[in-house]
N, C-alpha and C. Protein backbone atom coordinates (compact mmCIF):
# COMPACT_ATOMS: atom_id res chain seq x y z
N MET A 1 -12.38 -3.58 23.86
CA MET A 1 -11.12 -4.20 23.50
C MET A 1 -11.33 -5.21 22.36
N ARG A 2 -12.41 -5.94 22.46
CA ARG A 2 -12.72 -6.94 21.43
C ARG A 2 -12.93 -6.29 20.06
N ALA A 3 -13.57 -5.12 20.07
CA ALA A 3 -13.82 -4.40 18.83
C ALA A 3 -12.52 -3.95 18.19
N ILE A 4 -11.55 -3.54 19.00
CA ILE A 4 -10.26 -3.11 18.46
C ILE A 4 -9.52 -4.28 17.83
N VAL A 5 -9.58 -5.44 18.47
CA VAL A 5 -8.93 -6.63 17.92
C VAL A 5 -9.57 -7.02 16.58
N ARG A 6 -10.90 -7.00 16.55
CA ARG A 6 -11.60 -7.30 15.30
C ARG A 6 -11.22 -6.31 14.19
N LEU A 7 -11.16 -5.06 14.55
CA LEU A 7 -10.80 -4.02 13.60
C LEU A 7 -9.36 -4.21 13.10
N ALA A 8 -8.46 -4.56 14.01
CA ALA A 8 -7.06 -4.79 13.62
C ALA A 8 -6.95 -5.98 12.68
N VAL A 9 -7.69 -7.04 12.96
CA VAL A 9 -7.67 -8.22 12.08
C VAL A 9 -8.26 -7.85 10.72
N LYS A 10 -9.32 -7.06 10.71
CA LYS A 10 -9.92 -6.62 9.45
C LYS A 10 -8.91 -5.85 8.61
N TYR A 11 -8.20 -4.91 9.22
CA TYR A 11 -7.22 -4.13 8.50
C TYR A 11 -6.03 -4.98 8.06
N LEU A 12 -5.64 -5.91 8.89
CA LEU A 12 -4.54 -6.82 8.55
C LEU A 12 -4.90 -7.64 7.31
N LEU A 13 -6.09 -8.22 7.31
CA LEU A 13 -6.53 -9.02 6.17
C LEU A 13 -6.75 -8.15 4.93
N SER A 14 -7.24 -6.94 5.12
CA SER A 14 -7.40 -6.03 3.98
C SER A 14 -6.04 -5.68 3.38
N GLY A 15 -5.05 -5.49 4.25
CA GLY A 15 -3.70 -5.20 3.77
C GLY A 15 -3.13 -6.35 2.96
N ILE A 16 -3.32 -7.57 3.45
CA ILE A 16 -2.85 -8.75 2.71
C ILE A 16 -3.56 -8.82 1.36
N SER A 17 -4.86 -8.57 1.37
CA SER A 17 -5.63 -8.59 0.13
C SER A 17 -5.13 -7.54 -0.86
N LEU A 18 -4.87 -6.33 -0.38
CA LEU A 18 -4.35 -5.28 -1.25
C LEU A 18 -2.98 -5.66 -1.81
N GLY A 19 -2.11 -6.17 -0.96
CA GLY A 19 -0.78 -6.57 -1.41
C GLY A 19 -0.84 -7.64 -2.48
N CYS A 20 -1.68 -8.64 -2.26
CA CYS A 20 -1.82 -9.71 -3.26
C CYS A 20 -2.45 -9.20 -4.55
N THR A 21 -3.43 -8.32 -4.43
CA THR A 21 -4.08 -7.76 -5.62
C THR A 21 -3.09 -6.97 -6.46
N PHE A 22 -2.31 -6.09 -5.83
CA PHE A 22 -1.32 -5.32 -6.58
C PHE A 22 -0.24 -6.22 -7.17
N PHE A 23 0.12 -7.27 -6.45
CA PHE A 23 1.11 -8.23 -6.95
C PHE A 23 0.60 -8.90 -8.23
N VAL A 24 -0.65 -9.33 -8.22
CA VAL A 24 -1.23 -9.97 -9.40
C VAL A 24 -1.36 -8.97 -10.55
N ILE A 25 -1.78 -7.75 -10.25
CA ILE A 25 -1.89 -6.73 -11.30
C ILE A 25 -0.53 -6.47 -11.95
N MET A 26 0.50 -6.36 -11.13
CA MET A 26 1.84 -6.14 -11.68
C MET A 26 2.28 -7.32 -12.53
N CYS A 27 2.06 -8.55 -12.06
CA CYS A 27 2.44 -9.74 -12.84
C CYS A 27 1.67 -9.79 -14.16
N LEU A 28 0.39 -9.47 -14.12
CA LEU A 28 -0.41 -9.44 -15.35
C LEU A 28 0.10 -8.38 -16.32
N SER A 29 0.47 -7.23 -15.79
CA SER A 29 0.98 -6.18 -16.69
C SER A 29 2.30 -6.61 -17.32
N TYR A 30 3.16 -7.28 -16.56
CA TYR A 30 4.40 -7.79 -17.15
C TYR A 30 4.10 -8.81 -18.24
N ALA A 31 3.13 -9.69 -17.99
CA ALA A 31 2.79 -10.73 -18.95
C ALA A 31 2.17 -10.14 -20.22
N LEU A 32 1.34 -9.12 -20.06
CA LEU A 32 0.64 -8.54 -21.20
C LEU A 32 1.49 -7.59 -22.03
N TRP A 33 2.42 -6.89 -21.37
CA TRP A 33 3.15 -5.85 -22.08
C TRP A 33 4.65 -6.12 -22.19
N GLY A 34 4.98 -7.37 -22.38
CA GLY A 34 6.35 -7.71 -22.75
C GLY A 34 7.37 -7.75 -21.64
N GLY A 35 6.98 -7.94 -20.42
CA GLY A 35 7.94 -8.02 -19.33
C GLY A 35 8.19 -9.45 -18.90
N GLU A 36 8.26 -10.36 -19.88
CA GLU A 36 8.43 -11.77 -19.54
C GLU A 36 9.69 -12.03 -18.73
N GLU A 37 10.74 -11.28 -18.98
CA GLU A 37 11.99 -11.46 -18.24
C GLU A 37 11.79 -11.20 -16.75
N ILE A 38 11.11 -10.10 -16.45
CA ILE A 38 10.82 -9.77 -15.05
C ILE A 38 9.86 -10.79 -14.46
N LEU A 39 8.86 -11.18 -15.24
CA LEU A 39 7.88 -12.16 -14.77
C LEU A 39 8.55 -13.49 -14.43
N MET A 40 9.53 -13.91 -15.23
CA MET A 40 10.24 -15.16 -14.95
C MET A 40 11.07 -15.05 -13.68
N LEU A 41 11.63 -13.88 -13.42
CA LEU A 41 12.36 -13.68 -12.17
C LEU A 41 11.42 -13.80 -10.97
N ILE A 42 10.23 -13.24 -11.10
CA ILE A 42 9.24 -13.33 -10.03
C ILE A 42 8.80 -14.77 -9.82
N CYS A 43 8.52 -15.48 -10.92
CA CYS A 43 8.07 -16.87 -10.81
C CYS A 43 9.15 -17.76 -10.21
N GLY A 44 10.41 -17.47 -10.52
CA GLY A 44 11.51 -18.26 -9.98
C GLY A 44 11.69 -18.07 -8.49
N ASP A 45 11.16 -17.00 -7.95
CA ASP A 45 11.29 -16.68 -6.53
C ASP A 45 9.92 -16.33 -5.97
N PHE A 46 8.91 -17.08 -6.39
CA PHE A 46 7.52 -16.73 -6.14
C PHE A 46 7.19 -16.59 -4.66
N VAL A 47 7.65 -17.51 -3.83
CA VAL A 47 7.26 -17.50 -2.41
C VAL A 47 7.75 -16.22 -1.74
N ARG A 48 9.02 -15.87 -1.92
CA ARG A 48 9.54 -14.64 -1.32
C ARG A 48 8.85 -13.41 -1.89
N GLN A 49 8.59 -13.41 -3.20
CA GLN A 49 7.92 -12.28 -3.84
C GLN A 49 6.50 -12.10 -3.29
N ALA A 50 5.78 -13.21 -3.14
CA ALA A 50 4.41 -13.15 -2.63
C ALA A 50 4.39 -12.68 -1.18
N PHE A 51 5.30 -13.22 -0.35
CA PHE A 51 5.36 -12.77 1.04
C PHE A 51 5.76 -11.30 1.13
N GLY A 52 6.64 -10.87 0.24
CA GLY A 52 7.01 -9.45 0.20
C GLY A 52 5.82 -8.57 -0.13
N ALA A 53 5.03 -8.99 -1.11
CA ALA A 53 3.84 -8.23 -1.48
C ALA A 53 2.84 -8.18 -0.32
N MET A 54 2.69 -9.29 0.39
CA MET A 54 1.78 -9.30 1.54
C MET A 54 2.30 -8.41 2.66
N ALA A 55 3.62 -8.43 2.90
CA ALA A 55 4.20 -7.57 3.94
C ALA A 55 3.97 -6.09 3.62
N VAL A 56 4.19 -5.73 2.37
CA VAL A 56 3.97 -4.34 1.96
C VAL A 56 2.48 -4.00 2.07
N GLY A 57 1.62 -4.94 1.70
CA GLY A 57 0.17 -4.72 1.83
C GLY A 57 -0.24 -4.50 3.27
N ILE A 58 0.34 -5.30 4.17
CA ILE A 58 0.04 -5.12 5.60
C ILE A 58 0.53 -3.76 6.08
N ALA A 59 1.75 -3.39 5.67
CA ALA A 59 2.32 -2.11 6.11
C ALA A 59 1.52 -0.93 5.58
N CYS A 60 1.08 -1.01 4.34
CA CYS A 60 0.34 0.11 3.74
C CYS A 60 -1.14 0.06 4.08
N GLY A 61 -1.76 -1.10 3.94
CA GLY A 61 -3.19 -1.22 4.19
C GLY A 61 -3.52 -1.41 5.65
N GLY A 62 -2.70 -2.18 6.35
CA GLY A 62 -2.97 -2.48 7.75
C GLY A 62 -2.79 -1.28 8.66
N THR A 63 -1.82 -0.44 8.34
CA THR A 63 -1.60 0.72 9.21
C THR A 63 -2.66 1.80 9.01
N ALA A 64 -3.55 1.61 8.05
CA ALA A 64 -4.65 2.57 7.88
C ALA A 64 -5.58 2.55 9.09
N ILE A 65 -5.41 1.59 9.97
CA ILE A 65 -6.22 1.55 11.20
C ILE A 65 -6.01 2.82 12.02
N VAL A 66 -4.89 3.48 11.84
CA VAL A 66 -4.60 4.70 12.59
C VAL A 66 -5.67 5.76 12.39
N TYR A 67 -6.37 5.72 11.26
CA TYR A 67 -7.41 6.71 10.97
C TYR A 67 -8.68 6.47 11.78
N GLN A 68 -8.79 5.33 12.43
CA GLN A 68 -9.97 5.01 13.22
C GLN A 68 -9.95 5.63 14.61
N PHE A 69 -8.82 6.17 15.01
CA PHE A 69 -8.68 6.73 16.35
C PHE A 69 -8.80 8.25 16.32
N ASP A 70 -9.30 8.81 17.41
CA ASP A 70 -9.51 10.25 17.48
C ASP A 70 -8.19 11.02 17.54
N ARG A 71 -7.24 10.47 18.24
CA ARG A 71 -5.94 11.11 18.34
C ARG A 71 -4.91 10.23 17.69
N PRO A 72 -3.90 10.71 17.12
CA PRO A 72 -3.45 12.09 16.98
C PRO A 72 -4.19 12.82 15.86
N CYS A 73 -3.72 14.01 15.52
CA CYS A 73 -4.38 14.81 14.48
C CYS A 73 -4.18 14.17 13.11
N GLY A 74 -4.94 14.65 12.12
CA GLY A 74 -4.93 14.07 10.78
C GLY A 74 -3.56 14.02 10.13
N PHE A 75 -2.78 15.10 10.25
CA PHE A 75 -1.46 15.12 9.63
C PHE A 75 -0.54 14.06 10.23
N VAL A 76 -0.59 13.88 11.54
CA VAL A 76 0.25 12.88 12.20
C VAL A 76 -0.18 11.47 11.77
N LYS A 77 -1.48 11.27 11.63
CA LYS A 77 -1.97 9.97 11.16
C LYS A 77 -1.44 9.66 9.76
N VAL A 78 -1.50 10.64 8.87
CA VAL A 78 -0.98 10.45 7.52
C VAL A 78 0.52 10.19 7.56
N ALA A 79 1.24 10.92 8.41
CA ALA A 79 2.68 10.74 8.52
C ALA A 79 3.03 9.34 9.03
N ILE A 80 2.29 8.86 10.02
CA ILE A 80 2.52 7.49 10.53
C ILE A 80 2.27 6.48 9.43
N HIS A 81 1.14 6.61 8.76
CA HIS A 81 0.77 5.69 7.69
C HIS A 81 1.83 5.70 6.59
N PHE A 82 2.25 6.89 6.18
CA PHE A 82 3.24 7.04 5.12
C PHE A 82 4.60 6.45 5.53
N CYS A 83 5.06 6.81 6.72
CA CYS A 83 6.38 6.35 7.17
C CYS A 83 6.44 4.84 7.35
N VAL A 84 5.41 4.26 7.92
CA VAL A 84 5.40 2.80 8.08
C VAL A 84 5.31 2.13 6.70
N GLY A 85 4.40 2.63 5.87
CA GLY A 85 4.24 2.05 4.52
C GLY A 85 5.51 2.12 3.71
N MET A 86 6.11 3.30 3.62
CA MET A 86 7.34 3.46 2.84
C MET A 86 8.52 2.79 3.54
N GLY A 87 8.49 2.77 4.87
CA GLY A 87 9.56 2.12 5.63
C GLY A 87 9.62 0.62 5.42
N VAL A 88 8.51 0.04 5.05
CA VAL A 88 8.48 -1.39 4.71
C VAL A 88 8.64 -1.59 3.21
N PHE A 89 7.93 -0.76 2.42
CA PHE A 89 7.96 -0.94 0.97
C PHE A 89 9.36 -0.79 0.38
N TYR A 90 10.04 0.30 0.73
CA TYR A 90 11.31 0.58 0.05
C TYR A 90 12.38 -0.47 0.35
N PRO A 91 12.62 -0.83 1.60
CA PRO A 91 13.61 -1.90 1.85
C PRO A 91 13.20 -3.24 1.24
N THR A 92 11.91 -3.56 1.31
CA THR A 92 11.42 -4.81 0.71
C THR A 92 11.61 -4.77 -0.80
N GLY A 93 11.29 -3.64 -1.41
CA GLY A 93 11.45 -3.49 -2.85
C GLY A 93 12.90 -3.63 -3.29
N ILE A 94 13.81 -3.07 -2.53
CA ILE A 94 15.24 -3.21 -2.86
C ILE A 94 15.68 -4.65 -2.66
N TYR A 95 15.30 -5.25 -1.54
CA TYR A 95 15.70 -6.62 -1.22
C TYR A 95 15.20 -7.62 -2.27
N LEU A 96 13.97 -7.44 -2.72
CA LEU A 96 13.38 -8.39 -3.67
C LEU A 96 13.64 -8.02 -5.13
N GLY A 97 14.32 -6.92 -5.38
CA GLY A 97 14.67 -6.55 -6.74
C GLY A 97 13.58 -5.79 -7.47
N TRP A 98 12.56 -5.31 -6.76
CA TRP A 98 11.52 -4.52 -7.39
C TRP A 98 12.08 -3.15 -7.76
N ILE A 99 13.01 -2.69 -6.92
CA ILE A 99 13.64 -1.39 -7.12
C ILE A 99 15.14 -1.63 -7.26
N PRO A 100 15.71 -1.26 -8.38
CA PRO A 100 17.15 -1.46 -8.55
C PRO A 100 17.95 -0.62 -7.55
N PHE A 101 18.94 -1.24 -6.95
CA PHE A 101 19.78 -0.57 -5.97
C PHE A 101 21.12 -0.27 -6.61
N ALA A 102 21.43 1.02 -6.78
CA ALA A 102 22.67 1.43 -7.43
C ALA A 102 23.26 2.61 -6.67
N PRO A 103 24.04 2.34 -5.60
CA PRO A 103 24.60 3.44 -4.80
C PRO A 103 25.47 4.39 -5.61
N ASP A 104 26.05 3.90 -6.70
CA ASP A 104 26.89 4.77 -7.52
C ASP A 104 26.06 5.73 -8.38
N ARG A 105 24.75 5.49 -8.44
CA ARG A 105 23.85 6.37 -9.21
C ARG A 105 22.80 6.93 -8.25
N ILE A 106 23.25 7.77 -7.35
CA ILE A 106 22.39 8.30 -6.29
C ILE A 106 21.21 9.10 -6.84
N GLY A 107 21.40 9.81 -7.94
CA GLY A 107 20.31 10.57 -8.54
C GLY A 107 19.16 9.67 -8.97
N LEU A 108 19.50 8.53 -9.56
CA LEU A 108 18.49 7.56 -9.98
C LEU A 108 17.75 7.00 -8.77
N MET A 109 18.47 6.72 -7.70
CA MET A 109 17.84 6.17 -6.50
C MET A 109 16.89 7.20 -5.86
N ILE A 110 17.29 8.47 -5.87
CA ILE A 110 16.42 9.51 -5.33
C ILE A 110 15.16 9.63 -6.18
N LEU A 111 15.32 9.57 -7.50
CA LEU A 111 14.17 9.63 -8.40
C LEU A 111 13.24 8.44 -8.17
N GLN A 112 13.81 7.24 -8.00
CA GLN A 112 12.99 6.06 -7.73
C GLN A 112 12.22 6.22 -6.41
N PHE A 113 12.90 6.74 -5.40
CA PHE A 113 12.24 6.95 -4.12
C PHE A 113 11.10 7.95 -4.25
N LEU A 114 11.35 9.04 -4.96
CA LEU A 114 10.30 10.05 -5.16
C LEU A 114 9.12 9.49 -5.96
N CYS A 115 9.40 8.65 -6.95
CA CYS A 115 8.33 7.99 -7.71
C CYS A 115 7.52 7.07 -6.79
N SER A 116 8.22 6.33 -5.94
CA SER A 116 7.53 5.45 -4.99
C SER A 116 6.64 6.26 -4.05
N CYS A 117 7.15 7.38 -3.57
CA CYS A 117 6.36 8.26 -2.71
C CYS A 117 5.14 8.79 -3.45
N GLY A 118 5.33 9.16 -4.71
CA GLY A 118 4.23 9.66 -5.52
C GLY A 118 3.15 8.61 -5.73
N ILE A 119 3.56 7.38 -5.98
CA ILE A 119 2.59 6.29 -6.16
C ILE A 119 1.83 6.06 -4.87
N PHE A 120 2.55 6.03 -3.75
CA PHE A 120 1.90 5.84 -2.44
C PHE A 120 0.87 6.95 -2.22
N MET A 121 1.27 8.21 -2.49
CA MET A 121 0.35 9.34 -2.28
C MET A 121 -0.86 9.27 -3.21
N ALA A 122 -0.65 8.82 -4.45
CA ALA A 122 -1.77 8.71 -5.39
C ALA A 122 -2.76 7.65 -4.91
N ILE A 123 -2.25 6.52 -4.45
CA ILE A 123 -3.14 5.47 -3.93
C ILE A 123 -3.86 5.98 -2.69
N TRP A 124 -3.14 6.66 -1.80
CA TRP A 124 -3.75 7.21 -0.59
C TRP A 124 -4.85 8.19 -0.96
N LEU A 125 -4.58 9.06 -1.93
CA LEU A 125 -5.57 10.06 -2.36
C LEU A 125 -6.82 9.40 -2.92
N CYS A 126 -6.65 8.34 -3.68
CA CYS A 126 -7.81 7.61 -4.22
C CYS A 126 -8.67 7.06 -3.10
N PHE A 127 -8.05 6.44 -2.10
CA PHE A 127 -8.81 5.92 -0.97
C PHE A 127 -9.47 7.05 -0.18
N TYR A 128 -8.75 8.15 0.00
CA TYR A 128 -9.30 9.30 0.72
C TYR A 128 -10.54 9.84 0.01
N LEU A 129 -10.42 10.06 -1.29
CA LEU A 129 -11.55 10.60 -2.04
C LEU A 129 -12.73 9.64 -2.04
N PHE A 130 -12.47 8.34 -2.17
CA PHE A 130 -13.54 7.35 -2.14
C PHE A 130 -14.25 7.39 -0.79
N ASN A 131 -13.48 7.38 0.30
CA ASN A 131 -14.10 7.37 1.63
C ASN A 131 -14.82 8.67 1.93
N ARG A 132 -14.30 9.79 1.45
CA ARG A 132 -14.98 11.06 1.64
C ARG A 132 -16.32 11.08 0.91
N LYS A 133 -16.33 10.59 -0.32
CA LYS A 133 -17.58 10.53 -1.09
C LYS A 133 -18.58 9.58 -0.41
N GLU A 134 -18.06 8.46 0.10
CA GLU A 134 -18.92 7.51 0.80
C GLU A 134 -19.53 8.14 2.05
N ALA A 135 -18.74 8.91 2.80
CA ALA A 135 -19.24 9.59 3.99
C ALA A 135 -20.32 10.61 3.61
N GLU A 136 -20.09 11.34 2.54
CA GLU A 136 -21.09 12.30 2.08
C GLU A 136 -22.39 11.60 1.69
N ARG A 137 -22.28 10.45 1.03
CA ARG A 137 -23.46 9.69 0.64
C ARG A 137 -24.23 9.21 1.86
N ILE A 138 -23.51 8.72 2.85
CA ILE A 138 -24.14 8.23 4.08
C ILE A 138 -24.81 9.38 4.81
N ASN A 139 -24.13 10.52 4.92
CA ASN A 139 -24.71 11.69 5.59
C ASN A 139 -25.96 12.17 4.87
N ARG A 140 -25.93 12.19 3.55
CA ARG A 140 -27.09 12.60 2.77
C ARG A 140 -28.26 11.65 3.04
N ARG A 141 -27.97 10.38 3.09
CA ARG A 141 -29.01 9.36 3.35
C ARG A 141 -29.58 9.52 4.75
N LEU A 142 -28.74 9.80 5.71
CA LEU A 142 -29.21 10.00 7.08
C LEU A 142 -30.13 11.23 7.17
N LYS A 143 -29.77 12.30 6.48
CA LYS A 143 -30.61 13.52 6.46
C LYS A 143 -31.95 13.23 5.83
N GLU A 144 -31.98 12.39 4.79
CA GLU A 144 -33.25 12.02 4.15
C GLU A 144 -34.13 11.23 5.10
N MET A 145 -33.51 10.44 5.95
CA MET A 145 -34.28 9.59 6.89
C MET A 145 -34.86 10.39 8.05
N GLU A 146 -34.31 11.58 8.33
CA GLU A 146 -34.80 12.38 9.46
C GLU A 146 -36.16 12.96 9.24
């Protein structure tokens, strides 16, 4: 039980770290590439924006703990991770103004949602490929030690 609590705290803190890192990267990109208007909106509401980034980080990074358990199957784990991550990201993004909300332009909103899903999947794929390569490296090292 203690190990599960430690693991949950590790994933929680990793999620906060990821959220803050992406928040800083986005702010830097706005500052470097002419998004001063957006950057000023973020700075004017910094506390809510930072907490929003941490909440999304926890939802996306923290729920990755699901991969540490034997059950359910891999597809269900990915679905849980995706649904929780997007279920927090999209409402938070609309609430904080990261994603423009325009009910009269439903096509644009669908496109934004699909782009958000694509970004989530790309980040997930990067982590998946990294961890797979790391597992292969560890297995190769273990075989060398035998």
